Amino acid sequence: MTRRDASSALYPFHEEPMVTLVPLRRMHLSSEAEEVYVSAADLAMLAATPDAASRLRARRGFLGDTSANLQLREIARRCPEEFGAVGTIVLGAGSVLTTAAPEEGRPFNEVLHAYGVECFDGFQRLRIIAEEMATTHDPGRLARATFRVEIHHGPDRDAVRRLHCVAGRLVNEPTAQDGLLRCPNIRGLMDADWEGVGSFHPQRGVVVGPRRDLLTMPTVTRALACLSGASTPEAAYLAATEGGLQELWGAIGSPLYLSVFHDRVIPLGVKRAVEAWERARKALDDMPASKKTGLGHLIKYAPDLICWSACRAVLPPEQLHRAKSKFDWHRAIHDQLPAATQRVAGELVQRYGDVRNARGGKGTYVQQLDQYDVWLDILAPGM
């Protein structure tokens, strides 16, 4: 029998709250910190009472049906084996006692008894475990969930508590782009042969060293949206803004998302789309400033509406990802698309005049052209 006592004066051996854990795996992080993997059953009673947050000195009480908690609860019910896969429950303890396991065959043949327990992180998970174990018709199934638990019971405990109190300021907030790797079509595109085409990495941030042929995820998305198989410019509209990109990337598996990133996307198709989108945007940039005043603000505030329409006037989207397409993509993109883009810009500016008059001429150009229904009204005569 061994006992690690961090401060017996503050935390008597019998002090509550306490928890008994039967480790499935155990690692000593230091002489006064443990890392153990335990089943949900071992943790079920720790936060089972209404005053659990107070007793465990948690940073906050149970937050109820937040988006994160609802997702955790859904995972616990649908696939318990995945419930503990992400995140760590971090506890502090006044003292930790190790005894021999009461049953033969227990891993490591030991039981951990932690006294004077505090919860530094993971209280929402603890509460969900307690509620689900109390209400499920099959507690044995939920008990299969395995959690990584850290227990700090030495003088560094105060530092660990302090750091977890400000942990939110030490984490880069995730975005929808960070989840793109779970899309099989994106992973397939990453694994494809990009030799002679470019370098593609969907992650944000620096992934590889400086490369002139690097295709960024926003550029690839905007280009493919302009030449997607969809009959409306909704994907191009979303991809035109940072917020819209996050919305589109966050909708993995939706019809709109799959109109851009389907399972037939190939590097050559991406290259064609990027070349076309960049050439069309340059054609708009090359137009004189006098064309971009008044109703011509359409060119400034909705360029991808023009690019979407112009690309469809010159290029065949259905052949974009055909490696052996007989269409002369180079000639069409470099010789025909620039003039077509400027011509389409003039046509759409005129249509915008009609749409603006029909709407009473109210609102600034930037406010009006930020509305998707305005895009559709401008395109309506030709759709």
Protein backbone atom coordinates (compact mmCIF):
# COMPACT_ATOMS: atom_id res chain seq x y z
CA MET A 1 0.00 0.00 0.00
CA THR A 2 1.37 3.42 -0.91
CA ARG A 3 0.09 6.88 -0.35
CA ARG A 4 1.02 10.13 -2.08
CA ASP A 5 -0.04 12.93 0.27
CA ALA A 6 0.18 16.46 -1.16
CA SER A 7 -0.96 18.34 1.91
CA SER A 8 -2.53 16.19 4.61
CA ALA A 9 -3.11 19.23 6.79
CA LEU A 10 -5.46 20.76 4.21
CA TYR A 11 -6.87 17.45 3.00
CA PRO A 12 -7.30 14.80 5.70
CA PHE A 13 -7.12 11.24 4.45
CA HIS A 14 -10.89 10.82 4.74
CA GLU A 15 -11.83 14.12 3.14
CA GLU A 16 -14.57 14.28 0.55
CA PRO A 17 -15.07 14.35 -2.32
CA MET A 18 -13.22 11.20 -3.17
CA VAL A 19 -13.11 8.82 -6.11
CA THR A 20 -11.92 5.26 -6.53
CA LEU A 21 -10.46 4.36 -9.91
CA VAL A 22 -9.42 1.00 -11.33
CA PRO A 23 -6.90 1.95 -14.04
CA LEU A 24 -6.97 0.18 -17.37
CA ARG A 25 -3.64 1.86 -17.95
CA ARG A 26 -1.52 4.04 -15.71
CA MET A 27 1.46 6.33 -16.15
CA HIS A 28 3.29 8.42 -13.57
CA LEU A 29 3.69 11.87 -15.13
CA SER A 30 5.81 12.82 -12.13
CA SER A 31 6.11 11.86 -8.48
CA GLU A 32 2.96 13.89 -7.83
CA ALA A 33 0.90 13.51 -11.00
CA GLU A 34 -0.80 10.49 -12.54
CA GLU A 35 -2.27 9.76 -15.93
CA VAL A 36 -4.79 6.94 -15.92
CA TYR A 37 -7.28 5.50 -18.37
CA VAL A 38 -10.50 4.44 -16.68
CA SER A 39 -14.00 3.36 -17.65
CA ALA A 40 -17.05 5.62 -17.44
CA ALA A 41 -18.37 3.44 -14.63
CA ASP A 42 -15.51 4.57 -12.36
CA LEU A 43 -16.39 8.23 -12.93
CA ALA A 44 -20.18 7.97 -12.81
CA MET A 45 -20.64 8.99 -9.17
CA LEU A 46 -18.12 11.83 -9.08
CA ALA A 47 -20.57 14.41 -10.49
CA ALA A 48 -23.85 12.62 -9.78
CA THR A 49 -25.27 15.08 -7.22
CA PRO A 50 -26.78 18.52 -7.98
CA ASP A 51 -24.05 20.23 -5.94
CA ALA A 52 -21.24 18.42 -7.77
CA ALA A 53 -19.78 21.58 -9.31
CA SER A 54 -19.56 23.20 -5.90
CA ARG A 55 -18.08 20.12 -4.22
CA LEU A 56 -15.49 19.66 -6.96
CA ARG A 57 -14.68 23.39 -7.11
CA ALA A 58 -15.26 23.28 -10.89
CA ARG A 59 -14.69 26.50 -12.83
CA ARG A 60 -18.35 26.47 -13.88
CA GLY A 61 -21.46 24.44 -13.24
CA PHE A 62 -23.18 22.15 -15.69
CA LEU A 63 -24.11 24.22 -18.74
CA GLY A 64 -27.01 22.04 -19.82
CA ASP A 65 -27.93 21.69 -23.47
CA THR A 66 -25.18 23.70 -25.09
CA SER A 67 -24.19 22.68 -28.60
CA ALA A 68 -21.04 20.97 -27.32
CA ASN A 69 -22.88 19.12 -24.55
CA LEU A 70 -25.60 17.95 -26.90
CA GLN A 71 -22.97 16.56 -29.26
CA LEU A 72 -21.16 14.83 -26.39
CA ARG A 73 -24.42 13.32 -25.19
CA GLU A 74 -25.23 12.11 -28.69
CA ILE A 75 -21.82 10.42 -28.98
CA ALA A 76 -22.28 8.81 -25.56
CA ARG A 77 -25.55 7.28 -26.70
CA ARG A 78 -24.65 6.42 -30.27
CA CYS A 79 -21.06 5.26 -29.92
CA PRO A 80 -19.77 5.06 -26.32
CA GLU A 81 -16.37 3.82 -27.51
CA GLU A 82 -15.76 7.27 -29.04
CA PHE A 83 -17.05 9.27 -26.06
CA GLY A 84 -13.73 9.53 -24.28
CA ALA A 85 -11.55 9.75 -27.40
CA VAL A 86 -11.20 13.54 -27.31
CA GLY A 87 -10.31 15.61 -24.29
CA THR A 88 -8.88 14.89 -20.86
CA ILE A 89 -10.53 15.07 -17.46
CA VAL A 90 -8.10 16.90 -15.18
CA LEU A 91 -8.45 16.50 -11.42
CA GLY A 92 -6.60 17.78 -8.40
CA ALA A 93 -6.38 15.78 -5.20
CA GLY A 94 -5.17 16.30 -1.67
CA SER A 95 -3.89 12.75 -1.44
CA VAL A 96 -3.80 9.58 -3.50
CA LEU A 97 -3.70 6.07 -2.06
CA THR A 98 -2.83 2.98 -4.10
CA THR A 99 -4.07 -0.43 -2.95
CA ALA A 100 -4.09 -3.88 -4.44
CA ALA A 101 -7.09 -4.66 -6.63
CA PRO A 102 -9.72 -6.65 -4.76
CA GLU A 103 -10.29 -8.94 -7.73
CA GLU A 104 -7.81 -11.06 -9.56
CA GLY A 105 -7.13 -10.27 -13.17
CA ARG A 106 -7.47 -6.50 -12.81
CA PRO A 107 -5.00 -4.58 -15.03
CA PHE A 108 -1.96 -3.60 -13.02
CA ASN A 109 -3.58 -5.23 -9.99
CA GLU A 110 -4.10 -1.86 -8.30
CA VAL A 111 -6.81 0.62 -7.30
CA LEU A 112 -6.37 4.39 -6.93
CA HIS A 113 -8.22 6.24 -4.18
CA ALA A 114 -8.10 10.04 -4.62
CA TYR A 115 -9.22 12.24 -1.72
CA GLY A 116 -10.07 15.94 -1.64
CA VAL A 117 -10.81 15.87 -5.34
CA GLU A 118 -11.18 19.03 -7.43
CA CYS A 119 -12.12 19.22 -11.10
CA PHE A 120 -9.83 21.51 -13.08
CA ASP A 121 -11.20 20.52 -16.49
CA GLY A 122 -13.80 18.14 -17.91
CA PHE A 123 -16.74 18.78 -15.58
CA GLN A 124 -19.24 18.83 -18.46
CA ARG A 125 -18.15 15.33 -19.44
CA LEU A 126 -18.33 14.13 -15.85
CA ARG A 127 -21.88 15.41 -15.51
CA ILE A 128 -22.97 13.83 -18.80
CA ILE A 129 -21.42 10.53 -17.71
CA ALA A 130 -23.37 10.70 -14.43
CA GLU A 131 -26.68 11.54 -16.12
CA GLU A 132 -26.32 8.96 -18.89
CA MET A 133 -25.28 6.17 -16.50
CA ALA A 134 -28.31 6.97 -14.32
CA THR A 135 -30.83 6.95 -17.16
CA THR A 136 -29.55 4.48 -19.75
CA HIS A 137 -31.19 1.09 -20.09
CA ASP A 138 -27.80 -0.41 -20.88
CA PRO A 139 -25.19 0.96 -18.44
CA GLY A 140 -22.80 -1.80 -19.41
CA ARG A 141 -22.62 -0.42 -22.94
CA LEU A 142 -21.79 3.11 -21.75
CA ALA A 143 -19.26 1.68 -19.30
CA ARG A 144 -17.16 0.70 -22.32
CA ALA A 145 -16.26 4.36 -22.79
CA THR A 146 -12.67 4.94 -21.68
CA PHE A 147 -11.43 8.30 -20.43
CA ARG A 148 -7.99 9.78 -19.97
CA VAL A 149 -7.76 11.29 -16.48
CA GLU A 150 -4.93 13.34 -15.05
CA ILE A 151 -4.64 13.60 -11.26
CA HIS A 152 -2.37 16.29 -9.81
CA HIS A 153 -1.70 15.95 -6.11
CA GLY A 154 1.48 17.85 -5.38
CA PRO A 155 2.61 21.45 -4.93
CA ASP A 156 2.19 22.05 -8.66
CA ARG A 157 -1.54 21.52 -8.28
CA ASP A 158 -2.18 25.26 -7.81
CA ALA A 159 -0.28 26.04 -11.02
CA VAL A 160 -2.27 23.42 -12.93
CA ARG A 161 -5.53 24.84 -11.57
CA ARG A 162 -4.49 28.38 -12.55
CA LEU A 163 -3.51 27.38 -16.08
CA HIS A 164 -6.78 25.56 -16.66
CA CYS A 165 -8.69 28.63 -15.50
CA VAL A 166 -7.16 30.58 -18.40
CA ALA A 167 -6.88 27.66 -20.82
CA GLY A 168 -9.43 29.18 -23.20
CA ARG A 169 -7.01 32.04 -23.88
CA LEU A 170 -4.22 29.60 -24.69
CA VAL A 171 -6.07 27.69 -27.42
CA ASN A 172 -6.45 28.66 -31.08
CA GLU A 173 -10.18 28.48 -31.69
CA PRO A 174 -11.11 25.78 -34.22
CA THR A 175 -12.82 26.67 -37.49
CA ALA A 176 -14.76 24.68 -40.05
CA GLN A 177 -11.61 24.47 -42.18
CA ASP A 178 -9.94 22.44 -39.43
CA GLY A 179 -12.54 19.72 -39.94
CA LEU A 180 -12.05 19.29 -43.68
CA LEU A 181 -9.75 16.30 -43.26
CA ARG A 182 -12.73 14.19 -42.19
CA CYS A 183 -14.13 14.58 -45.72
CA PRO A 184 -13.13 11.50 -47.80
CA ASN A 185 -13.22 13.55 -50.99
CA ILE A 186 -10.73 16.06 -49.58
CA ARG A 187 -8.46 13.26 -48.38
CA GLY A 188 -8.68 11.64 -51.80
CA LEU A 189 -7.72 14.92 -53.42
CA MET A 190 -4.75 15.27 -51.07
CA ASP A 191 -3.54 11.78 -51.94
CA ALA A 192 -3.90 12.29 -55.69
CA ASP A 193 -0.97 12.94 -58.03
CA TRP A 194 -0.30 16.70 -58.08
CA GLU A 195 2.97 16.52 -60.00
CA GLY A 196 3.07 19.29 -62.57
CA VAL A 197 -0.21 20.71 -61.31
CA GLY A 198 0.59 22.41 -58.02
CA SER A 199 0.68 21.81 -54.29
CA PHE A 200 -2.59 21.42 -52.38
CA HIS A 201 -3.05 21.38 -48.62
CA PRO A 202 -6.52 22.07 -47.17
CA GLN A 203 -5.27 22.92 -43.67
CA ARG A 204 -5.01 26.52 -42.56
CA GLY A 205 -1.67 27.85 -41.37
CA VAL A 206 1.81 26.95 -42.59
CA VAL A 207 1.78 23.31 -43.69
CA VAL A 208 4.79 23.22 -45.99
CA GLY A 209 7.64 25.58 -46.80
CA PRO A 210 7.21 28.48 -49.23
CA ARG A 211 6.06 27.27 -52.67
CA ARG A 212 5.00 29.35 -55.64
CA ASP A 213 2.60 26.66 -56.83
CA LEU A 214 0.72 26.35 -53.50
CA LEU A 215 -3.05 26.31 -53.97
CA THR A 216 -4.78 27.56 -50.83
CA MET A 217 -8.09 26.16 -49.67
CA PRO A 218 -9.99 29.46 -50.10
CA THR A 219 -8.70 29.84 -53.66
CA VAL A 220 -9.51 26.24 -54.56
CA THR A 221 -12.99 26.52 -53.05
CA ARG A 222 -13.83 29.78 -54.80
CA ALA A 223 -12.57 28.48 -58.11
CA LEU A 224 -14.43 25.17 -57.92
CA ALA A 225 -17.58 26.98 -56.78
CA CYS A 226 -17.47 29.09 -59.93
CA LEU A 227 -17.40 25.93 -62.04
CA SER A 228 -19.46 23.60 -59.90
CA GLY A 229 -22.20 21.45 -61.32
CA ALA A 230 -24.89 23.35 -59.41
CA SER A 231 -27.43 25.32 -61.43
CA THR A 232 -27.34 28.31 -59.05
CA PRO A 233 -24.45 30.45 -57.74
CA GLU A 234 -25.12 29.64 -54.07
CA ALA A 235 -21.72 28.02 -53.51
CA ALA A 236 -19.96 30.92 -55.27
CA TYR A 237 -21.97 33.38 -53.15
CA LEU A 238 -20.91 31.67 -49.91
CA ALA A 239 -17.30 31.22 -51.00
CA ALA A 240 -16.97 34.95 -51.70
CA THR A 241 -16.70 35.77 -47.98
CA GLU A 242 -14.77 34.32 -45.07
CA GLY A 243 -17.94 33.63 -43.13
CA GLY A 244 -19.51 31.96 -46.15
CA LEU A 245 -16.45 29.77 -46.64
CA GLN A 246 -16.74 28.53 -43.06
CA GLU A 247 -20.43 27.81 -43.60
CA LEU A 248 -19.74 25.85 -46.77
CA TRP A 249 -16.81 23.92 -45.27
CA GLY A 250 -18.88 23.13 -42.21
CA ALA A 251 -21.59 21.48 -44.30
CA ILE A 252 -19.59 18.38 -45.30
CA GLY A 253 -21.84 15.90 -47.05
CA SER A 254 -24.58 18.41 -47.90
CA PRO A 255 -25.72 18.65 -51.55
CA LEU A 256 -24.22 22.13 -51.85
CA TYR A 257 -20.87 21.04 -50.43
CA LEU A 258 -20.81 17.98 -52.70
CA SER A 259 -21.51 20.12 -55.74
CA VAL A 260 -18.03 21.59 -55.12
CA PHE A 261 -16.10 18.74 -53.48
CA HIS A 262 -17.54 15.55 -54.92
CA ASP A 263 -15.76 12.23 -55.36
CA ARG A 264 -14.84 12.97 -58.99
CA VAL A 265 -12.66 16.01 -58.25
CA ILE A 266 -9.14 15.60 -59.67
CA PRO A 267 -6.04 17.82 -59.49
CA LEU A 268 -6.23 18.69 -63.20
CA GLY A 269 -9.81 19.88 -62.72
CA VAL A 270 -8.73 22.00 -59.77
CA LYS A 271 -5.96 23.53 -61.87
CA ARG A 272 -8.39 24.35 -64.68
CA ALA A 273 -10.85 25.94 -62.26
CA VAL A 274 -8.18 28.03 -60.49
CA GLU A 275 -6.76 29.26 -63.81
CA ALA A 276 -10.23 30.20 -65.00
CA TRP A 277 -11.25 31.93 -61.78
CA GLU A 278 -8.00 33.89 -61.55
CA ARG A 279 -8.16 34.89 -65.23
CA ALA A 280 -11.75 36.08 -64.86
CA ARG A 281 -10.92 38.05 -61.70
CA LYS A 282 -7.95 39.68 -63.46
CA ALA A 283 -10.19 40.68 -66.37
CA LEU A 284 -12.44 42.48 -63.89
CA ASP A 285 -9.45 44.13 -62.22
CA ASP A 286 -8.29 45.37 -65.64
CA MET A 287 -11.55 47.19 -66.32
CA PRO A 288 -11.26 50.98 -66.01
CA ALA A 289 -12.26 52.58 -62.72
CA SER A 290 -14.98 54.55 -64.50
CA LYS A 291 -16.83 51.27 -65.13
CA LYS A 292 -16.94 50.54 -61.41
CA THR A 293 -18.92 53.55 -60.23
CA GLY A 294 -22.66 53.79 -59.68
CA LEU A 295 -24.28 50.54 -60.76
CA GLY A 296 -20.76 49.41 -61.68
CA HIS A 297 -20.21 48.80 -57.97
CA LEU A 298 -21.47 45.34 -58.90
CA ILE A 299 -17.99 44.66 -60.28
CA LYS A 300 -16.41 45.66 -56.97
CA TYR A 301 -18.85 44.08 -54.52
CA ALA A 302 -20.00 40.95 -56.40
CA PRO A 303 -17.12 39.92 -58.69
CA ASP A 304 -17.75 36.19 -58.19
CA LEU A 305 -21.30 36.60 -59.45
CA ILE A 306 -19.79 37.84 -62.71
CA CYS A 307 -17.08 35.16 -62.73
CA TRP A 308 -19.67 32.42 -62.14
CA SER A 309 -21.78 33.63 -65.06
CA ALA A 310 -18.83 34.28 -67.39
CA CYS A 311 -17.19 30.90 -66.76
CA ARG A 312 -20.43 29.16 -67.66
CA ALA A 313 -20.70 31.18 -70.85
CA VAL A 314 -17.32 29.96 -72.08
CA LEU A 315 -16.41 26.74 -70.26
CA PRO A 316 -18.14 23.35 -69.85
CA PRO A 317 -18.39 22.64 -66.07
CA GLU A 318 -19.43 19.03 -66.75
CA GLN A 319 -16.01 18.36 -68.31
CA LEU A 320 -13.97 20.12 -65.63
CA HIS A 321 -12.79 16.90 -63.97
CA ARG A 322 -12.40 14.77 -67.07
CA ALA A 323 -8.70 14.04 -67.45
CA LYS A 324 -9.11 13.28 -71.17
CA SER A 325 -11.49 16.11 -72.00
CA LYS A 326 -11.16 17.13 -75.63
CA PHE A 327 -12.17 20.70 -74.86
CA ASP A 328 -9.36 23.22 -75.39
CA TRP A 329 -9.24 24.57 -71.86
CA HIS A 330 -6.07 26.62 -72.30
CA ARG A 331 -7.35 28.49 -75.34
CA ALA A 332 -10.76 29.13 -73.81
CA ILE A 333 -9.38 30.35 -70.48
CA HIS A 334 -6.61 32.57 -71.81
CA ASP A 335 -8.00 33.76 -75.14
CA GLN A 336 -11.78 33.82 -74.72
CA LEU A 337 -12.61 34.15 -71.04
CA PRO A 338 -11.15 37.65 -70.37
CA ALA A 339 -13.25 39.36 -73.04
CA ALA A 340 -16.29 37.28 -72.12
CA THR A 341 -15.92 38.26 -68.47
CA GLN A 342 -15.90 41.97 -69.29
CA ARG A 343 -18.86 41.55 -71.63
CA VAL A 344 -20.84 39.64 -68.98
CA ALA A 345 -19.93 42.31 -66.43
CA GLY A 346 -21.54 44.97 -68.62
CA GLU A 347 -24.68 42.87 -69.08
CA LEU A 348 -25.08 42.15 -65.40
CA VAL A 349 -24.51 45.81 -64.47
CA GLN A 350 -27.44 46.71 -66.71
CA ARG A 351 -29.61 44.00 -65.14
CA TYR A 352 -28.61 45.22 -61.70
CA GLY A 353 -30.00 48.62 -62.67
CA ASP A 354 -33.39 47.03 -63.33
CA VAL A 355 -33.24 45.05 -60.08
CA ARG A 356 -32.27 48.11 -58.06
CA ASN A 357 -35.10 50.16 -59.56
CA ALA A 358 -37.57 47.35 -58.86
CA ARG A 359 -36.46 47.42 -55.23
CA GLY A 360 -37.00 51.14 -54.97
CA GLY A 361 -33.35 52.07 -55.21
CA LYS A 362 -32.97 51.70 -51.45
CA GLY A 363 -29.87 50.62 -49.58
CA THR A 364 -26.21 51.08 -50.30
CA TYR A 365 -24.59 49.11 -53.08
CA VAL A 366 -22.50 47.06 -50.69
CA GLN A 367 -25.50 46.19 -48.52
CA GLN A 368 -27.68 45.25 -51.47
CA LEU A 369 -25.09 43.18 -53.30
CA ASP A 370 -24.40 41.23 -50.15
CA GLN A 371 -27.85 39.60 -50.47
CA TYR A 372 -28.15 36.28 -52.26
CA ASP A 373 -31.67 36.99 -53.50
CA VAL A 374 -30.32 40.06 -55.26
CA TRP A 375 -27.79 37.85 -57.06
CA LEU A 376 -30.62 35.58 -58.18
CA ASP A 377 -32.74 38.52 -59.37
CA ILE A 378 -29.82 39.80 -61.46
CA LEU A 379 -29.34 36.40 -63.07
CA ALA A 380 -33.06 35.64 -63.46
CA PRO A 381 -33.48 36.78 -67.11
CA GLY A 382 -30.72 34.42 -68.24
CA MET A 383 -31.26 31.44 -65.94
